[in-house]
Protein backbone atom coordinates (compact mmCIF):
# COMPACT_ATOMS: atom_id res chain seq x y z
CA MET A 1 65.97 24.20 123.95
CA ARG A 2 63.82 24.53 127.09
CA VAL A 3 63.22 27.91 128.41
CA SER A 4 64.84 28.38 131.81
CA VAL A 5 62.57 30.35 134.30
CA LEU A 6 63.23 32.01 137.89
CA LEU A 7 60.26 32.48 139.88
CA ALA A 8 60.31 35.32 142.44
CA ASP A 9 57.30 35.87 144.78
CA ASP A 10 57.39 36.15 148.69
CA HIS A 11 54.25 33.71 148.78
CA PRO A 12 55.31 30.06 148.84
CA VAL A 13 51.76 28.87 147.54
CA VAL A 14 52.01 31.27 144.48
CA ARG A 15 55.44 30.02 143.65
CA HIS A 16 54.41 26.37 144.02
CA GLY A 17 51.48 27.03 141.76
CA MET A 18 53.36 28.71 138.96
CA ARG A 19 56.14 25.80 139.24
CA ASN A 20 53.24 23.33 138.81
CA LEU A 21 51.87 25.12 135.91
CA LEU A 22 55.09 25.58 134.01
CA GLU A 23 56.52 22.15 134.66
CA THR A 24 53.47 20.70 132.84
CA ASP A 25 54.81 22.27 129.77
CA GLU A 26 57.91 20.58 128.31
CA SER A 27 59.22 23.86 126.90
CA PHE A 28 59.85 25.26 130.32
CA LYS A 29 62.30 24.57 133.10
CA VAL A 30 62.05 26.26 136.41
CA VAL A 31 65.61 26.72 137.68
CA GLY A 32 64.95 28.40 140.92
CA GLU A 33 62.68 30.11 143.38
CA ALA A 34 63.27 33.31 145.13
CA GLU A 35 61.27 34.66 148.24
CA ASP A 36 62.30 38.50 148.12
CA GLY A 37 63.69 41.01 145.53
CA LEU A 38 67.38 40.89 146.77
CA GLN A 39 67.54 37.00 146.43
CA ALA A 40 65.81 37.36 142.93
CA VAL A 41 68.65 39.72 141.80
CA GLN A 42 71.50 37.20 143.46
CA MET A 43 69.93 34.10 141.80
CA ALA A 44 69.38 35.69 138.49
CA ASP A 45 73.23 36.42 138.65
CA GLN A 46 73.92 32.78 139.57
CA LEU A 47 71.57 31.00 137.32
CA ARG A 48 71.41 33.31 134.33
CA PRO A 49 67.67 32.36 133.34
CA ASP A 50 65.98 33.17 130.08
CA VAL A 51 62.96 34.64 131.77
CA VAL A 52 62.28 35.85 135.34
CA VAL A 53 58.72 36.10 136.81
CA VAL A 54 58.64 38.67 139.31
CA ASP A 55 55.97 39.86 141.97
CA MET A 56 55.64 43.65 142.19
CA MET A 57 55.55 43.76 146.12
CA MET A 58 58.23 42.01 147.73
CA PRO A 59 60.30 42.46 151.03
CA HIS A 60 63.90 43.91 150.98
CA LEU A 61 63.72 44.92 147.44
CA ASN A 62 60.70 45.52 145.33
CA GLY A 63 59.97 43.95 141.94
CA LEU A 64 60.67 47.19 139.99
CA GLU A 65 64.17 47.44 141.59
CA ALA A 66 64.84 43.65 141.12
CA ILE A 67 63.81 44.11 137.43
CA ARG A 68 66.18 47.20 136.95
CA GLN A 69 69.08 45.43 138.51
CA ILE A 70 68.49 42.15 136.59
CA ILE A 71 68.35 43.80 133.28
CA GLU A 72 71.21 46.11 134.01
CA HIS A 73 73.44 43.09 134.67
CA HIS A 74 71.85 40.62 132.09
CA PRO A 75 70.18 42.64 129.29
CA GLY A 76 69.15 39.40 127.39
CA THR A 77 67.00 38.37 130.34
CA ARG A 78 63.29 38.77 129.84
CA CYS A 79 61.24 39.83 133.11
CA ILE A 80 57.57 39.35 133.48
CA VAL A 81 55.72 40.85 136.32
CA LEU A 82 52.98 38.64 137.72
CA SER A 83 50.96 40.90 140.08
CA MET A 84 47.53 41.74 141.70
CA GLN A 85 48.16 45.47 140.79
CA SER A 86 46.21 46.52 137.84
CA ALA A 87 46.45 50.24 138.14
CA ASP A 88 48.06 51.99 135.32
CA PRO A 89 50.73 53.69 137.33
CA TYR A 90 52.22 50.24 138.41
CA ILE A 91 52.26 48.98 134.98
CA VAL A 92 53.70 51.94 133.35
CA GLN A 93 56.48 51.95 136.20
CA ALA A 94 57.22 48.12 135.33
CA LEU A 95 57.41 49.01 131.53
CA LYS A 96 59.74 51.66 132.27
CA ALA A 97 61.91 49.67 134.52
CA GLY A 98 62.41 47.20 131.48
CA ALA A 99 59.72 44.45 132.03
CA SER A 100 58.83 42.78 128.80
CA GLY A 101 55.31 41.58 130.16
CA TYR A 102 52.77 42.19 132.78
CA VAL A 103 50.21 39.50 133.72
CA LEU A 104 47.57 39.87 136.41
CA LYS A 105 47.61 37.17 139.12
CA ASP A 106 43.61 36.70 138.61
CA SER A 107 44.30 35.71 134.92
CA GLY A 108 43.67 32.34 133.54
CA PRO A 109 46.45 29.77 134.12
CA SER A 110 47.33 29.60 130.43
CA GLU A 111 48.23 33.36 130.24
CA LEU A 112 51.59 33.22 132.11
CA VAL A 113 52.57 30.39 129.76
CA ASN A 114 51.45 32.46 126.71
CA ALA A 115 53.26 35.64 128.10
CA ILE A 116 56.51 33.69 128.36
CA HIS A 117 56.32 32.51 124.83
CA GLN A 118 55.52 36.06 123.70
CA VAL A 119 58.51 37.58 125.33
CA MET A 120 60.73 34.83 124.40
CA ASP A 121 59.89 35.78 120.72
CA GLY A 122 60.81 39.44 121.52
CA LYS A 123 57.25 40.91 122.02
CA ARG A 124 55.92 42.70 124.96
CA TYR A 125 52.87 41.06 126.65
CA LEU A 126 50.19 42.75 128.63
CA SER A 127 47.12 40.82 130.03
CA PRO A 128 44.16 41.53 127.57
CA GLN A 129 41.98 43.33 130.38
CA LEU A 130 44.82 46.24 130.71
CA SER A 131 44.24 49.40 129.21
CA GLU A 132 45.36 50.04 125.55
CA LYS A 133 46.44 53.56 126.41
CA LEU A 134 49.37 52.43 128.53
CA ILE A 135 51.96 52.99 125.78
CA ASP A 136 51.06 56.68 125.64
CA LEU A 137 50.95 56.88 129.63
CA PHE A 138 54.43 55.18 129.48
CA ILE A 139 55.88 57.94 127.11
CA GLU A 140 54.46 60.65 129.28
CA LYS A 141 55.81 59.33 132.42
CA ILE A 142 59.21 59.04 130.95
CA GLU A 143 59.08 62.66 130.24
CA THR A 144 57.74 63.67 133.85
CA ASP A 145 59.94 61.37 135.75
CA ALA A 146 62.91 63.41 134.79
CA LEU A 147 61.76 65.61 137.61
CA ASP A 148 61.55 62.99 140.29
CA PRO A 149 64.31 63.02 142.85
CA TYR A 150 63.87 59.18 143.13
CA ASN A 151 65.66 58.84 139.86
CA THR A 152 68.69 60.65 141.09
CA LEU A 153 69.41 57.66 143.87
CA THR A 154 71.98 55.23 143.26
CA THR A 155 71.03 51.36 143.07
CA ARG A 156 72.50 51.01 146.59
CA GLU A 157 70.55 54.05 147.91
CA ARG A 158 67.24 52.53 146.59
CA GLU A 159 68.05 49.34 148.22
CA ILE A 160 68.54 51.24 151.47
CA LEU A 161 65.48 53.17 150.98
CA GLN A 162 63.15 50.09 151.09
CA LEU A 163 65.05 48.47 153.83
CA ALA A 164 64.87 51.68 155.98
CA ALA A 165 61.27 52.12 155.22
CA GLU A 166 60.91 48.36 156.45
CA GLY A 167 62.37 49.39 159.60
CA LEU A 168 65.76 48.12 159.48
CA THR A 169 68.44 49.87 161.37
CA ASN A 170 71.70 50.67 159.89
CA ALA A 171 73.35 47.59 161.48
CA GLY A 172 70.30 45.49 160.07
CA ILE A 173 70.93 47.02 156.39
CA ALA A 174 74.55 46.39 156.83
CA GLU A 175 74.01 42.79 157.54
CA LYS A 176 71.38 42.51 154.66
CA LEU A 177 73.66 43.90 152.02
CA SER A 178 76.90 42.54 153.26
CA ILE A 179 78.41 45.98 153.69
CA SER A 180 79.84 47.86 156.75
CA GLN A 181 77.57 49.66 159.15
CA ARG A 182 79.51 52.84 158.41
CA THR A 183 78.98 52.36 154.72
CA ALA A 184 75.14 51.82 155.24
CA GLU A 185 74.89 54.94 157.44
CA GLN A 186 76.60 57.09 154.70
CA HIS A 187 74.40 55.77 152.10
CA ARG A 188 71.28 56.24 154.12
CA GLN A 189 72.35 59.93 154.98
CA SER A 190 72.98 60.53 151.16
CA MET A 191 69.38 59.04 150.26
CA MET A 192 67.77 60.99 153.03
CA ALA A 193 69.32 64.22 151.64
CA LYS A 194 68.55 63.76 148.05
CA MET A 195 64.89 62.82 148.80
CA ASP A 196 64.67 65.78 151.35
CA PHE A 197 63.18 63.38 153.98
CA ALA A 198 63.25 65.07 157.46
CA ASN A 199 62.55 61.93 159.28
CA GLN A 200 61.35 58.34 159.22
CA THR A 201 57.72 59.45 158.72
CA ASP A 202 58.59 61.07 155.49
CA LEU A 203 60.46 58.00 154.22
CA ILE A 204 57.59 55.78 154.90
CA ARG A 205 54.96 58.17 153.52
CA PHE A 206 56.86 58.12 150.16
CA ALA A 207 57.48 54.34 150.15
CA LEU A 208 53.75 54.00 150.55
CA LYS A 209 53.02 56.54 147.81
CA LYS A 210 55.46 55.00 145.38
CA GLY A 211 54.42 51.49 145.89
CA ILE A 212 57.40 50.37 147.47
CA LEU A 213 55.65 49.16 150.54
CA PRO A 214 52.11 47.57 150.44
CA MET A 215 49.44 50.07 151.94
CA ASP A 216 48.61 47.50 154.47
CA ASN A 217 51.97 47.66 155.99
């Protein structure tokens, strides 16, 4: 049977390139394209793909949170990160979120194909140029992350953290998440309290440091 693949990246050119690459291999079928993290989660629910290829930096919901939600709802779905980010912390966070593979965007075109085959065989795939020490770092990060207040946030509060960091008002958040404005306000207040944010500046500073927002935002 052909492997069904969902592509999630906010750049149409990148999605087009991935689709063209994968559709030259008869073992793959691209079943959909998502342009942001929220859409990726929704389309994964609808399409139930075997594999989701996810960019780390996406609007409305970043790749890490999209992976967490997809795997929580569909444990059998494999997620592969395709990213420009090669720093160890990004890769460790992706593995911790449940990613089965991590491929750098500047890799050769055959690498994504290889990664999908590997993860479908139940293996983990990392681009060859990535550090061999990542598994040790991964274990260390699991231990130290227990102290991170971000891990106390609910799924909804994490969604609202990113949307608020992107500058959306409570009304805008409510519309984006299909909830009431009052509910959005309550979740936002709870998130700000848990994270001990005094203001919007604190929130944005954290989002940049965490990699939720790109540094050039």
